Amino acid sequence: MKIIVDRQVCAGHALCAAKAPDVYQLDDEGYCCSNGATVPPHLHEQARLGARHCPEAAILLVDDEDAP
């Protein structure tokens, strides 16, 4: 699974990292900087939880075979 973050949409609420700190990283300004990161299988559910809590729906999770 890969993380795709639309940086144009991310508003820096940091709820992704609050809900899934082992998956999502933030930059110095509080915006998600996990774009393109690969999520190990044992953290897939945590990745989904963090993505679901994004108020702007700026996070897309794609299966490895569908990743760009």
C-alpha atoms as a PDB file:
ATOM      1  CA  MET A   1       0.000   0.000   0.000  1.00  0.00           C
ATOM      2  CA  LYS A   2       1.225   3.489  -0.880  1.00  0.00           C
ATOM      3  CA  ILE A   3       0.146   6.871   0.449  1.00  0.00           C
ATOM      4  CA  ILE A   4      -0.776   9.596  -2.022  1.00  0.00           C
ATOM      5  CA  VAL A   5      -1.256  13.056  -0.464  1.00  0.00           C
ATOM      6  CA  ASP A   6      -2.772  15.925  -2.426  1.00  0.00           C
ATOM      7  CA  ARG A   7      -0.640  18.770  -1.057  1.00  0.00           C
ATOM      8  CA  GLN A   8      -2.946  21.308  -2.715  1.00  0.00           C
ATOM      9  CA  VAL A   9      -5.830  20.029  -0.574  1.00  0.00           C
ATOM     10  CA  CYS A  10      -4.060  19.251   2.724  1.00  0.00           C
ATOM     11  CA  ALA A  11      -4.886  22.003   5.229  1.00  0.00           C
ATOM     12  CA  GLY A  12      -2.517  20.899   7.980  1.00  0.00           C
ATOM     13  CA  HIS A  13      -5.070  19.722  10.539  1.00  0.00           C
ATOM     14  CA  ALA A  14      -2.674  16.840  11.362  1.00  0.00           C
ATOM     15  CA  LEU A  15      -5.494  14.435  12.212  1.00  0.00           C
ATOM     16  CA  CYS A  16      -3.856  11.765  10.064  1.00  0.00           C
ATOM     17  CA  ALA A  17      -0.743  11.802  12.244  1.00  0.00           C
ATOM     18  CA  ALA A  18      -2.795  12.074  15.439  1.00  0.00           C
ATOM     19  CA  LYS A  19      -4.739   8.916  14.548  1.00  0.00           C
ATOM     20  CA  ALA A  20      -1.876   7.020  12.913  1.00  0.00           C
ATOM     21  CA  PRO A  21       1.464   8.356  14.179  1.00  0.00           C
ATOM     22  CA  ASP A  22       3.371   5.288  12.977  1.00  0.00           C
ATOM     23  CA  VAL A  23       2.211   5.916   9.405  1.00  0.00           C
ATOM     24  CA  TYR A  24       1.878   9.651   8.753  1.00  0.00           C
ATOM     25  CA  GLN A  25       4.671  12.180   9.137  1.00  0.00           C
ATOM     26  CA  LEU A  26       4.269  15.954   9.240  1.00  0.00           C
ATOM     27  CA  ASP A  27       6.556  18.671   7.936  1.00  0.00           C
ATOM     28  CA  ASP A  28       7.683  21.627  10.057  1.00  0.00           C
ATOM     29  CA  GLU A  29       4.450  23.482   9.247  1.00  0.00           C
ATOM     30  CA  GLY A  30       2.171  20.594  10.241  1.00  0.00           C
ATOM     31  CA  TYR A  31       1.295  19.348   6.750  1.00  0.00           C
ATOM     32  CA  CYS A  32       1.363  15.669   5.854  1.00  0.00           C
ATOM     33  CA  CYS A  33       4.619  14.825   4.071  1.00  0.00           C
ATOM     34  CA  SER A  34       4.065  11.083   3.653  1.00  0.00           C
ATOM     35  CA  ASN A  35       3.343  11.319  -0.077  1.00  0.00           C
ATOM     36  CA  GLY A  36       4.694   8.245  -1.861  1.00  0.00           C
ATOM     37  CA  ALA A  37       5.493   6.361   1.341  1.00  0.00           C
ATOM     38  CA  THR A  38       4.994   2.615   1.395  1.00  0.00           C
ATOM     39  CA  VAL A  39       2.947   1.276   4.295  1.00  0.00           C
ATOM     40  CA  PRO A  40       3.987  -2.126   5.641  1.00  0.00           C
ATOM     41  CA  PRO A  41       1.162  -4.668   5.893  1.00  0.00           C
ATOM     42  CA  HIS A  42       0.973  -4.565   9.692  1.00  0.00           C
ATOM     43  CA  LEU A  43       0.147  -0.818   9.530  1.00  0.00           C
ATOM     44  CA  HIS A  44      -2.508  -0.939   6.783  1.00  0.00           C
ATOM     45  CA  GLU A  45      -5.428  -0.553   9.188  1.00  0.00           C
ATOM     46  CA  GLN A  46      -3.734   2.355  10.938  1.00  0.00           C
ATOM     47  CA  ALA A  47      -3.143   3.995   7.527  1.00  0.00           C
ATOM     48  CA  ARG A  48      -6.835   3.627   6.690  1.00  0.00           C
ATOM     49  CA  LEU A  49      -7.816   5.136  10.040  1.00  0.00           C
ATOM     50  CA  GLY A  50      -5.612   8.184   9.502  1.00  0.00           C
ATOM     51  CA  ALA A  51      -6.883   8.680   5.950  1.00  0.00           C
ATOM     52  CA  ARG A  52     -10.525   8.460   7.086  1.00  0.00           C
ATOM     53  CA  HIS A  53      -9.945  11.242   9.612  1.00  0.00           C
ATOM     54  CA  CYS A  54      -8.602  13.728   7.060  1.00  0.00           C
ATOM     55  CA  PRO A  55     -11.276  16.488   6.910  1.00  0.00           C
ATOM     56  CA  GLU A  56     -10.284  17.416   3.345  1.00  0.00           C
ATOM     57  CA  ALA A  57      -9.968  13.814   2.080  1.00  0.00           C
ATOM     58  CA  ALA A  58      -6.465  14.733   0.892  1.00  0.00           C
ATOM     59  CA  ILE A  59      -5.104  11.204   1.430  1.00  0.00           C
ATOM     60  CA  LEU A  60      -5.522   8.370  -1.034  1.00  0.00           C
ATOM     61  CA  LEU A  61      -4.299   4.871  -0.254  1.00  0.00           C
ATOM     62  CA  VAL A  62      -3.488   2.678  -3.247  1.00  0.00           C
ATOM     63  CA  ASP A  63      -2.482  -0.934  -3.499  1.00  0.00           C
ATOM     64  CA  ASP A  64       1.145  -1.410  -4.486  1.00  0.00           C
ATOM     65  CA  GLU A  65       0.215  -2.801  -7.896  1.00  0.00           C
ATOM     66  CA  ASP A  66      -1.962   0.281  -8.593  1.00  0.00           C
ATOM     67  CA  ALA A  67       0.583   2.827  -7.348  1.00  0.00           C
ATOM     68  CA  PRO A  68       2.068   5.266  -9.837  1.00  0.00           C
END
